[in-house]
Amino acid sequence: MSSESLRSEINNLERKVKLLLSEHTQLKAAFQKLSDENQQLRTQVSEYQQNESNFQNQAKISKIVESMIVGENDSEAVKDVIEDYIKEIDKCIAHLGEA
């Protein structure tokens, strides 16, 4: 191989390496962007699931309250039961927050 063809081959290899490095940098940036977006979407899904769970709990409490026949004397007892449910729910939420 002549010296001239060797230089030409080295120049071609350098150009290809530069192109590969540029493409690697672009792909790395795209990966980071998609990774950030993925994390953001996971957070949103988690929030939506928590909201759904809270909504379901509210619906269950509403059904319990509606199923109770409340007379004038029973209203205090119903209020105490509901407060106990709320305290229990708060404990569960606190426990989930620790996990």
PDB file of N, CA and C in Angstrom:
ATOM      1  N   MET A   1       0.832  -1.178   0.000  1.00  0.00           N
ATOM      2  CA  MET A   1       0.000   0.000   0.000  1.00  0.00           C
ATOM      3  C   MET A   1       0.875   1.239   0.000  1.00  0.00           C
ATOM      4  N   SER A   2       0.485   2.181  -0.801  1.00  0.00           N
ATOM      5  CA  SER A   2       1.289   3.394  -0.874  1.00  0.00           C
ATOM      6  C   SER A   2       0.955   4.325   0.280  1.00  0.00           C
ATOM      7  N   SER A   3       1.837   5.232   0.497  1.00  0.00           N
ATOM      8  CA  SER A   3       1.682   6.203   1.585  1.00  0.00           C
ATOM      9  C   SER A   3       0.438   7.059   1.360  1.00  0.00           C
ATOM     10  N   GLU A   4       0.196   7.387   0.130  1.00  0.00           N
ATOM     11  CA  GLU A   4      -0.959   8.224  -0.220  1.00  0.00           C
ATOM     12  C   GLU A   4      -2.273   7.487   0.051  1.00  0.00           C
ATOM     13  N   SER A   5      -2.373   6.238  -0.312  1.00  0.00           N
ATOM     14  CA  SER A   5      -3.597   5.471  -0.087  1.00  0.00           C
ATOM     15  C   SER A   5      -3.802   5.214   1.408  1.00  0.00           C
ATOM     16  N   LEU A   6      -2.704   5.076   2.155  1.00  0.00           N
ATOM     17  CA  LEU A   6      -2.791   4.896   3.604  1.00  0.00           C
ATOM     18  C   LEU A   6      -3.358   6.152   4.265  1.00  0.00           C
ATOM     19  N   ARG A   7      -2.876   7.295   3.849  1.00  0.00           N
ATOM     20  CA  ARG A   7      -3.397   8.576   4.382  1.00  0.00           C
ATOM     21  C   ARG A   7      -4.882   8.737   4.049  1.00  0.00           C
ATOM     22  N   SER A   8      -5.219   8.383   2.856  1.00  0.00           N
ATOM     23  CA  SER A   8      -6.615   8.480   2.429  1.00  0.00           C
ATOM     24  C   SER A   8      -7.499   7.571   3.284  1.00  0.00           C
ATOM     25  N   GLU A   9      -7.024   6.367   3.535  1.00  0.00           N
ATOM     26  CA  GLU A   9      -7.778   5.417   4.360  1.00  0.00           C
ATOM     27  C   GLU A   9      -7.912   5.928   5.791  1.00  0.00           C
ATOM     28  N   ILE A  10      -6.844   6.495   6.343  1.00  0.00           N
ATOM     29  CA  ILE A  10      -6.880   7.058   7.701  1.00  0.00           C
ATOM     30  C   ILE A  10      -7.857   8.219   7.765  1.00  0.00           C
ATOM     31  N   ASN A  11      -7.844   9.069   6.760  1.00  0.00           N
ATOM     32  CA  ASN A  11      -8.782  10.200   6.717  1.00  0.00           C
ATOM     33  C   ASN A  11     -10.223   9.714   6.663  1.00  0.00           C
ATOM     34  N   ASN A  12     -10.474   8.674   5.877  1.00  0.00           N
ATOM     35  CA  ASN A  12     -11.823   8.107   5.793  1.00  0.00           C
ATOM     36  C   ASN A  12     -12.253   7.542   7.151  1.00  0.00           C
ATOM     37  N   LEU A  13     -11.333   6.847   7.808  1.00  0.00           N
ATOM     38  CA  LEU A  13     -11.644   6.290   9.125  1.00  0.00           C
ATOM     39  C   LEU A  13     -11.915   7.396  10.150  1.00  0.00           C
ATOM     40  N   GLU A  14     -11.119   8.448  10.117  1.00  0.00           N
ATOM     41  CA  GLU A  14     -11.337   9.581  11.036  1.00  0.00           C
ATOM     42  C   GLU A  14     -12.697  10.220  10.797  1.00  0.00           C
ATOM     43  N   ARG A  15     -13.045  10.384   9.550  1.00  0.00           N
ATOM     44  CA  ARG A  15     -14.348  10.978   9.211  1.00  0.00           C
ATOM     45  C   ARG A  15     -15.484  10.095   9.717  1.00  0.00           C
ATOM     46  N   LYS A  16     -15.342   8.775   9.536  1.00  0.00           N
ATOM     47  CA  LYS A  16     -16.374   7.850  10.000  1.00  0.00           C
ATOM     48  C   LYS A  16     -16.477   7.848  11.524  1.00  0.00           C
ATOM     49  N   VAL A  17     -15.352   7.926  12.208  1.00  0.00           N
ATOM     50  CA  VAL A  17     -15.363   7.970  13.670  1.00  0.00           C
ATOM     51  C   VAL A  17     -16.055   9.242  14.145  1.00  0.00           C
ATOM     52  N   LYS A  18     -15.760  10.368  13.504  1.00  0.00           N
ATOM     53  CA  LYS A  18     -16.412  11.628  13.878  1.00  0.00           C
ATOM     54  C   LYS A  18     -17.924  11.547  13.661  1.00  0.00           C
ATOM     55  N   LEU A  19     -18.319  10.956  12.556  1.00  0.00           N
ATOM     56  CA  LEU A  19     -19.749  10.798  12.282  1.00  0.00           C
ATOM     57  C   LEU A  19     -20.405   9.901  13.331  1.00  0.00           C
ATOM     58  N   LEU A  20     -19.731   8.819  13.681  1.00  0.00           N
ATOM     59  CA  LEU A  20     -20.273   7.910  14.701  1.00  0.00           C
ATOM     60  C   LEU A  20     -20.362   8.600  16.061  1.00  0.00           C
ATOM     61  N   LEU A  21     -19.367   9.378  16.408  1.00  0.00           N
ATOM     62  CA  LEU A  21     -19.405  10.106  17.680  1.00  0.00           C
ATOM     63  C   LEU A  21     -20.544  11.129  17.697  1.00  0.00           C
ATOM     64  N   SER A  22     -20.734  11.799  16.577  1.00  0.00           N
ATOM     65  CA  SER A  22     -21.829  12.765  16.481  1.00  0.00           C
ATOM     66  C   SER A  22     -23.180  12.069  16.619  1.00  0.00           C
ATOM     67  N   GLU A  23     -23.329  10.957  15.940  1.00  0.00           N
ATOM     68  CA  GLU A  23     -24.579  10.202  16.020  1.00  0.00           C
ATOM     69  C   GLU A  23     -24.793   9.666  17.434  1.00  0.00           C
ATOM     70  N   HIS A  24     -23.722   9.209  18.067  1.00  0.00           N
ATOM     71  CA  HIS A  24     -23.811   8.715  19.450  1.00  0.00           C
ATOM     72  C   HIS A  24     -24.285   9.829  20.386  1.00  0.00           C
ATOM     73  N   THR A  25     -23.746  11.021  20.213  1.00  0.00           N
ATOM     74  CA  THR A  25     -24.157  12.154  21.049  1.00  0.00           C
ATOM     75  C   THR A  25     -25.630  12.476  20.839  1.00  0.00           C
ATOM     76  N   GLN A  26     -26.072  12.465  19.598  1.00  0.00           N
ATOM     77  CA  GLN A  26     -27.477  12.734  19.300  1.00  0.00           C
ATOM     78  C   GLN A  26     -28.386  11.664  19.900  1.00  0.00           C
ATOM     79  N   LEU A  27     -27.993  10.412  19.763  1.00  0.00           N
ATOM     80  CA  LEU A  27     -28.800   9.319  20.306  1.00  0.00           C
ATOM     81  C   LEU A  27     -28.827   9.355  21.832  1.00  0.00           C
ATOM     82  N   LYS A  28     -27.725   9.733  22.425  1.00  0.00           N
ATOM     83  CA  LYS A  28     -27.660   9.836  23.881  1.00  0.00           C
ATOM     84  C   LYS A  28     -28.603  10.939  24.382  1.00  0.00           C
ATOM     85  N   ALA A  29     -28.633  12.066  23.684  1.00  0.00           N
ATOM     86  CA  ALA A  29     -29.535  13.162  24.052  1.00  0.00           C
ATOM     87  C   ALA A  29     -30.993  12.747  23.870  1.00  0.00           C
ATOM     88  N   ALA A  30     -31.277  12.056  22.780  1.00  0.00           N
ATOM     89  CA  ALA A  30     -32.648  11.585  22.530  1.00  0.00           C
ATOM     90  C   ALA A  30     -33.064  10.580  23.599  1.00  0.00           C
ATOM     91  N   PHE A  31     -32.149   9.700  23.974  1.00  0.00           N
ATOM     92  CA  PHE A  31     -32.436   8.719  25.016  1.00  0.00           C
ATOM     93  C   PHE A  31     -32.752   9.413  26.340  1.00  0.00           C
ATOM     94  N   GLN A  32     -31.972  10.421  26.691  1.00  0.00           N
ATOM     95  CA  GLN A  32     -32.203  11.146  27.943  1.00  0.00           C
ATOM     96  C   GLN A  32     -33.557  11.850  27.925  1.00  0.00           C
ATOM     97  N   LYS A  33     -33.888  12.436  26.786  1.00  0.00           N
ATOM     98  CA  LYS A  33     -35.181  13.113  26.654  1.00  0.00           C
ATOM     99  C   LYS A  33     -36.322  12.117  26.829  1.00  0.00           C
ATOM    100  N   LEU A  34     -36.218  10.962  26.185  1.00  0.00           N
ATOM    101  CA  LEU A  34     -37.262   9.946  26.294  1.00  0.00           C
ATOM    102  C   LEU A  34     -37.316   9.349  27.696  1.00  0.00           C
ATOM    103  N   SER A  35     -36.176   9.218  28.315  1.00  0.00           N
ATOM    104  CA  SER A  35     -36.128   8.700  29.682  1.00  0.00           C
ATOM    105  C   SER A  35     -36.824   9.668  30.644  1.00  0.00           C
ATOM    106  N   ASP A  36     -36.569  10.963  30.471  1.00  0.00           N
ATOM    107  CA  ASP A  36     -37.231  11.973  31.301  1.00  0.00           C
ATOM    108  C   ASP A  36     -38.745  11.965  31.077  1.00  0.00           C
ATOM    109  N   GLU A  37     -39.136  11.870  29.810  1.00  0.00           N
ATOM    110  CA  GLU A  37     -40.562  11.833  29.482  1.00  0.00           C
ATOM    111  C   GLU A  37     -41.215  10.584  30.082  1.00  0.00           C
ATOM    112  N   ASN A  38     -40.514   9.465  30.020  1.00  0.00           N
ATOM    113  CA  ASN A  38     -41.017   8.218  30.589  1.00  0.00           C
ATOM    114  C   ASN A  38     -41.246   8.378  32.092  1.00  0.00           C
ATOM    115  N   GLN A  39     -40.292   8.974  32.781  1.00  0.00           N
ATOM    116  CA  GLN A  39     -40.431   9.174  34.226  1.00  0.00           C
ATOM    117  C   GLN A  39     -41.607  10.100  34.535  1.00  0.00           C
ATOM    118  N   GLN A  40     -41.757  11.141  33.740  1.00  0.00           N
ATOM    119  CA  GLN A  40     -42.870  12.075  33.932  1.00  0.00           C
ATOM    120  C   GLN A  40     -44.210  11.351  33.737  1.00  0.00           C
ATOM    121  N   LEU A  41     -44.292  10.520  32.718  1.00  0.00           N
ATOM    122  CA  LEU A  41     -45.530   9.784  32.464  1.00  0.00           C
ATOM    123  C   LEU A  41     -45.814   8.768  33.562  1.00  0.00           C
ATOM    124  N   ARG A  42     -44.769   8.134  34.090  1.00  0.00           N
ATOM    125  CA  ARG A  42     -44.958   7.204  35.204  1.00  0.00           C
ATOM    126  C   ARG A  42     -45.498   7.936  36.438  1.00  0.00           C
ATOM    127  N   THR A  43     -44.993   9.141  36.663  1.00  0.00           N
ATOM    128  CA  THR A  43     -45.475   9.942  37.787  1.00  0.00           C
ATOM    129  C   THR A  43     -46.943  10.304  37.592  1.00  0.00           C
ATOM    130  N   GLN A  44     -47.304  10.689  36.384  1.00  0.00           N
ATOM    131  CA  GLN A  44     -48.703  11.016  36.091  1.00  0.00           C
ATOM    132  C   GLN A  44     -49.602   9.809  36.296  1.00  0.00           C
ATOM    133  N   VAL A  45     -49.168   8.655  35.829  1.00  0.00           N
ATOM    134  CA  VAL A  45     -49.965   7.434  35.997  1.00  0.00           C
ATOM    135  C   VAL A  45     -50.165   7.143  37.476  1.00  0.00           C
ATOM    136  N   SER A  46     -49.106   7.294  38.242  1.00  0.00           N
ATOM    137  CA  SER A  46     -49.197   7.058  39.686  1.00  0.00           C
ATOM    138  C   SER A  46     -50.187   8.026  40.332  1.00  0.00           C
ATOM    139  N   GLU A  47     -50.128   9.281  39.935  1.00  0.00           N
ATOM    140  CA  GLU A  47     -51.064  10.280  40.472  1.00  0.00           C
ATOM    141  C   GLU A  47     -52.497   9.940  40.077  1.00  0.00           C
ATOM    142  N   TYR A  48     -52.703   9.534  38.829  1.00  0.00           N
ATOM    143  CA  TYR A  48     -54.050   9.179  38.380  1.00  0.00           C
ATOM    144  C   TYR A  48     -54.569   7.963  39.145  1.00  0.00           C
ATOM    145  N   GLN A  49     -53.696   7.000  39.387  1.00  0.00           N
ATOM    146  CA  GLN A  49     -54.119   5.826  40.145  1.00  0.00           C
ATOM    147  C   GLN A  49     -54.485   6.209  41.576  1.00  0.00           C
ATOM    148  N   GLN A  50     -53.714   7.105  42.167  1.00  0.00           N
ATOM    149  CA  GLN A  50     -54.013   7.554  43.526  1.00  0.00           C
ATOM    150  C   GLN A  50     -55.346   8.301  43.550  1.00  0.00           C
ATOM    151  N   ASN A  51     -55.570   9.162  42.566  1.00  0.00           N
ATOM    152  CA  ASN A  51     -56.842   9.888  42.492  1.00  0.00           C
ATOM    153  C   ASN A  51     -58.012   8.929  42.303  1.00  0.00           C
ATOM    154  N   GLU A  52     -57.810   7.917  41.469  1.00  0.00           N
ATOM    155  CA  GLU A  52     -58.865   6.934  41.255  1.00  0.00           C
ATOM    156  C   GLU A  52     -59.169   6.187  42.557  1.00  0.00           C
ATOM    157  N   SER A  53     -58.119   5.819  43.264  1.00  0.00           N
ATOM    158  CA  SER A  53     -58.292   5.120  44.531  1.00  0.00           C
ATOM    159  C   SER A  53     -59.045   5.998  45.527  1.00  0.00           C
ATOM    160  N   ASN A  54     -58.663   7.277  45.592  1.00  0.00           N
ATOM    161  CA  ASN A  54     -59.363   8.200  46.496  1.00  0.00           C
ATOM    162  C   ASN A  54     -60.833   8.346  46.116  1.00  0.00           C
ATOM    163  N   PHE A  55     -61.082   8.418  44.819  1.00  0.00           N
ATOM    164  CA  PHE A  55     -62.462   8.544  44.343  1.00  0.00           C
ATOM    165  C   PHE A  55     -63.275   7.307  44.716  1.00  0.00           C
ATOM    166  N   GLN A  56     -62.661   6.131  44.544  1.00  0.00           N
ATOM    167  CA  GLN A  56     -63.361   4.892  44.889  1.00  0.00           C
ATOM    168  C   GLN A  56     -63.656   4.839  46.384  1.00  0.00           C
ATOM    169  N   ASN A  57     -62.699   5.293  47.193  1.00  0.00           N
ATOM    170  CA  ASN A  57     -62.929   5.315  48.638  1.00  0.00           C
ATOM    171  C   ASN A  57     -64.067   6.278  48.996  1.00  0.00           C
ATOM    172  N   GLN A  58     -64.097   7.426  48.345  1.00  0.00           N
ATOM    173  CA  GLN A  58     -65.170   8.383  48.597  1.00  0.00           C
ATOM    174  C   GLN A  58     -66.522   7.791  48.202  1.00  0.00           C
ATOM    175  N   ALA A  59     -66.541   7.076  47.089  1.00  0.00           N
ATOM    176  CA  ALA A  59     -67.788   6.459  46.640  1.00  0.00           C
ATOM    177  C   ALA A  59     -68.253   5.402  47.630  1.00  0.00           C
ATOM    178  N   LYS A  60     -67.310   4.619  48.159  1.00  0.00           N
ATOM    179  CA  LYS A  60     -67.664   3.595  49.146  1.00  0.00           C
ATOM    180  C   LYS A  60     -68.217   4.234  50.417  1.00  0.00           C
ATOM    181  N   ILE A  61     -67.584   5.303  50.861  1.00  0.00           N
ATOM    182  CA  ILE A  61     -68.068   5.994  52.064  1.00  0.00           C
ATOM    183  C   ILE A  61     -69.468   6.551  51.821  1.00  0.00           C
ATOM    184  N   SER A  62     -69.667   7.112  50.637  1.00  0.00           N
ATOM    185  CA  SER A  62     -70.992   7.645  50.316  1.00  0.00           C
ATOM    186  C   SER A  62     -72.046   6.548  50.335  1.00  0.00           C
ATOM    187  N   LYS A  63     -71.717   5.378  49.802  1.00  0.00           N
ATOM    188  CA  LYS A  63     -72.665   4.258  49.809  1.00  0.00           C
ATOM    189  C   LYS A  63     -72.963   3.812  51.236  1.00  0.00           C
ATOM    190  N   ILE A  64     -71.934   3.786  52.072  1.00  0.00           N
ATOM    191  CA  ILE A  64     -72.142   3.385  53.465  1.00  0.00           C
ATOM    192  C   ILE A  64     -73.073   4.367  54.161  1.00  0.00           C
ATOM    193  N   VAL A  65     -72.820   5.643  53.949  1.00  0.00           N
ATOM    194  CA  VAL A  65     -73.652   6.668  54.589  1.00  0.00           C
ATOM    195  C   VAL A  65     -75.076   6.595  54.071  1.00  0.00           C
ATOM    196  N   GLU A  66     -75.242   6.413  52.767  1.00  0.00           N
ATOM    197  CA  GLU A  66     -76.578   6.344  52.185  1.00  0.00           C
ATOM    198  C   GLU A  66     -77.335   5.115  52.672  1.00  0.00           C
ATOM    199  N   SER A  67     -76.605   4.025  52.946  1.00  0.00           N
ATOM    200  CA  SER A  67     -77.281   2.809  53.373  1.00  0.00           C
ATOM    201  C   SER A  67     -77.743   2.870  54.831  1.00  0.00           C
ATOM    202  N   MET A  68     -77.209   3.796  55.567  1.00  0.00           N
ATOM    203  CA  MET A  68     -77.612   3.934  56.967  1.00  0.00           C
ATOM    204  C   MET A  68     -78.885   4.759  57.066  1.00  0.00           C
ATOM    205  N   ILE A  69     -79.801   4.279  57.878  1.00  0.00           N
ATOM    206  CA  ILE A  69     -81.017   5.037  58.118  1.00  0.00           C
ATOM    207  C   ILE A  69     -80.719   5.943  59.306  1.00  0.00           C
ATOM    208  N   VAL A  70     -80.826   7.207  59.043  1.00  0.00           N
ATOM    209  CA  VAL A  70     -80.424   8.169  60.066  1.00  0.00           C
ATOM    210  C   VAL A  70     -81.670   8.844  60.640  1.00  0.00           C
ATOM    211  N   GLY A  71     -81.842   8.610  61.895  1.00  0.00           N
ATOM    212  CA  GLY A  71     -82.889   9.325  62.610  1.00  0.00           C
ATOM    213  C   GLY A  71     -82.250  10.484  63.347  1.00  0.00           C
ATOM    214  N   GLU A  72     -83.042  11.245  64.035  1.00  0.00           N
ATOM    215  CA  GLU A  72     -82.503  12.391  64.759  1.00  0.00           C
ATOM    216  C   GLU A  72     -81.505  11.954  65.825  1.00  0.00           C
ATOM    217  N   ASN A  73     -81.748  10.836  66.489  1.00  0.00           N
ATOM    218  CA  ASN A  73     -80.865  10.359  67.550  1.00  0.00           C
ATOM    219  C   ASN A  73     -79.638   9.630  66.999  1.00  0.00           C
ATOM    220  N   ASP A  74     -79.747   9.124  65.769  1.00  0.00           N
ATOM    221  CA  ASP A  74     -78.661   8.347  65.189  1.00  0.00           C
ATOM    222  C   ASP A  74     -77.603   9.201  64.485  1.00  0.00           C
ATOM    223  N   SER A  75     -77.875  10.454  64.262  1.00  0.00           N
ATOM    224  CA  SER A  75     -76.953  11.282  63.485  1.00  0.00           C
ATOM    225  C   SER A  75     -75.586  11.398  64.157  1.00  0.00           C
ATOM    226  N   GLU A  76     -75.548  11.454  65.463  1.00  0.00           N
ATOM    227  CA  GLU A  76     -74.266  11.540  66.171  1.00  0.00           C
ATOM    228  C   GLU A  76     -73.472  10.238  66.012  1.00  0.00           C
ATOM    229  N   ALA A  77     -74.156   9.111  66.051  1.00  0.00           N
ATOM    230  CA  ALA A  77     -73.489   7.825  65.876  1.00  0.00           C
ATOM    231  C   ALA A  77     -72.919   7.695  64.469  1.00  0.00           C
ATOM    232  N   VAL A  78     -73.677   8.137  63.476  1.00  0.00           N
ATOM    233  CA  VAL A  78     -73.202   8.090  62.086  1.00  0.00           C
ATOM    234  C   VAL A  78     -71.983   8.995  61.933  1.00  0.00           C
ATOM    235  N   LYS A  79     -72.035  10.154  62.537  1.00  0.00           N
ATOM    236  CA  LYS A  79     -70.912  11.084  62.475  1.00  0.00           C
ATOM    237  C   LYS A  79     -69.659  10.440  63.077  1.00  0.00           C
ATOM    238  N   ASP A  80     -69.801   9.747  64.202  1.00  0.00           N
ATOM    239  CA  ASP A  80     -68.664   9.076  64.829  1.00  0.00           C
ATOM    240  C   ASP A  80     -68.105   7.971  63.940  1.00  0.00           C
ATOM    241  N   VAL A  81     -68.977   7.211  63.303  1.00  0.00           N
ATOM    242  CA  VAL A  81     -68.538   6.136  62.406  1.00  0.00           C
ATOM    243  C   VAL A  81     -67.762   6.722  61.226  1.00  0.00           C
ATOM    244  N   ILE A  82     -68.279   7.781  60.667  1.00  0.00           N
ATOM    245  CA  ILE A  82     -67.607   8.407  59.516  1.00  0.00           C
ATOM    246  C   ILE A  82     -66.252   8.958  59.935  1.00  0.00           C
ATOM    247  N   GLU A  83     -66.173   9.571  61.084  1.00  0.00           N
ATOM    248  CA  GLU A  83     -64.891  10.086  61.570  1.00  0.00           C
ATOM    249  C   GLU A  83     -63.892   8.960  61.785  1.00  0.00           C
ATOM    250  N   ASP A  84     -64.372   7.821  62.281  1.00  0.00           N
ATOM    251  CA  ASP A  84     -63.489   6.660  62.446  1.00  0.00           C
ATOM    252  C   ASP A  84     -62.971   6.167  61.094  1.00  0.00           C
ATOM    253  N   TYR A  85     -63.849   6.144  60.078  1.00  0.00           N
ATOM    254  CA  TYR A  85     -63.429   5.743  58.744  1.00  0.00           C
ATOM    255  C   TYR A  85     -62.366   6.705  58.204  1.00  0.00           C
ATOM    256  N   ILE A  86     -62.590   7.972  58.408  1.00  0.00           N
ATOM    257  CA  ILE A  86     -61.647   8.976  57.907  1.00  0.00           C
ATOM    258  C   ILE A  86     -60.301   8.815  58.599  1.00  0.00           C
ATOM    259  N   LYS A  87     -60.296   8.586  59.899  1.00  0.00           N
ATOM    260  CA  LYS A  87     -59.044   8.376  60.629  1.00  0.00           C
ATOM    261  C   LYS A  87     -58.321   7.144  60.098  1.00  0.00           C
ATOM    262  N   GLU A  88     -59.062   6.087  59.837  1.00  0.00           N
ATOM    263  CA  GLU A  88     -58.456   4.858  59.323  1.00  0.00           C
ATOM    264  C   GLU A  88     -57.872   5.082  57.935  1.00  0.00           C
ATOM    265  N   ILE A  89     -58.582   5.834  57.112  1.00  0.00           N
ATOM    266  CA  ILE A  89     -58.088   6.153  55.770  1.00  0.00           C
ATOM    267  C   ILE A  89     -56.819   6.987  55.868  1.00  0.00           C
ATOM    268  N   ASP A  90     -56.795   7.959  56.766  1.00  0.00           N
ATOM    269  CA  ASP A  90     -55.601   8.780  56.952  1.00  0.00           C
ATOM    270  C   ASP A  90     -54.408   7.932  57.380  1.00  0.00           C
ATOM    271  N   LYS A  91     -54.646   6.946  58.239  1.00  0.00           N
ATOM    272  CA  LYS A  91     -53.565   6.047  58.648  1.00  0.00           C
ATOM    273  C   LYS A  91     -53.038   5.261  57.446  1.00  0.00           C
ATOM    274  N   CYS A  92     -53.947   4.799  56.611  1.00  0.00           N
ATOM    275  CA  CYS A  92     -53.549   4.038  55.429  1.00  0.00           C
ATOM    276  C   CYS A  92     -52.730   4.912  54.477  1.00  0.00           C
ATOM    277  N   ILE A  93     -53.156   6.134  54.280  1.00  0.00           N
ATOM    278  CA  ILE A  93     -52.430   7.056  53.395  1.00  0.00           C
ATOM    279  C   ILE A  93     -51.046   7.338  53.963  1.00  0.00           C
ATOM    280  N   ALA A  94     -50.965   7.555  55.270  1.00  0.00           N
ATOM    281  CA  ALA A  94     -49.673   7.802  55.901  1.00  0.00           C
ATOM    282  C   ALA A  94     -48.761   6.589  55.730  1.00  0.00           C
ATOM    283  N   HIS A  95     -49.329   5.397  55.892  1.00  0.00           N
ATOM    284  CA  HIS A  95     -48.551   4.173  55.739  1.00  0.00           C
ATOM    285  C   HIS A  95     -48.044   4.042  54.290  1.00  0.00           C
ATOM    286  N   LEU A  96     -48.893   4.362  53.329  1.00  0.00           N
ATOM    287  CA  LEU A  96     -48.480   4.295  51.923  1.00  0.00           C
ATOM    288  C   LEU A  96     -47.400   5.325  51.619  1.00  0.00           C
ATOM    289  N   GLY A  97     -47.474   6.468  52.285  1.00  0.00           N
ATOM    290  CA  GLY A  97     -46.458   7.504  52.079  1.00  0.00           C
ATOM    291  C   GLY A  97     -45.098   7.084  52.595  1.00  0.00           C
ATOM    292  N   GLU A  98     -45.063   6.216  53.582  1.00  0.00           N
ATOM    293  CA  GLU A  98     -43.792   5.737  54.132  1.00  0.00           C
ATOM    294  C   GLU A  98     -43.148   4.703  53.221  1.00  0.00           C
ATOM    295  N   ALA A  99     -43.949   4.012  52.431  1.00  0.00           N
ATOM    296  CA  ALA A  99     -43.414   2.934  51.585  1.00  0.00           C
ATOM    297  C   ALA A  99     -42.669   3.462  50.402  1.00  0.00           C
TER     298      ALA A  99
END
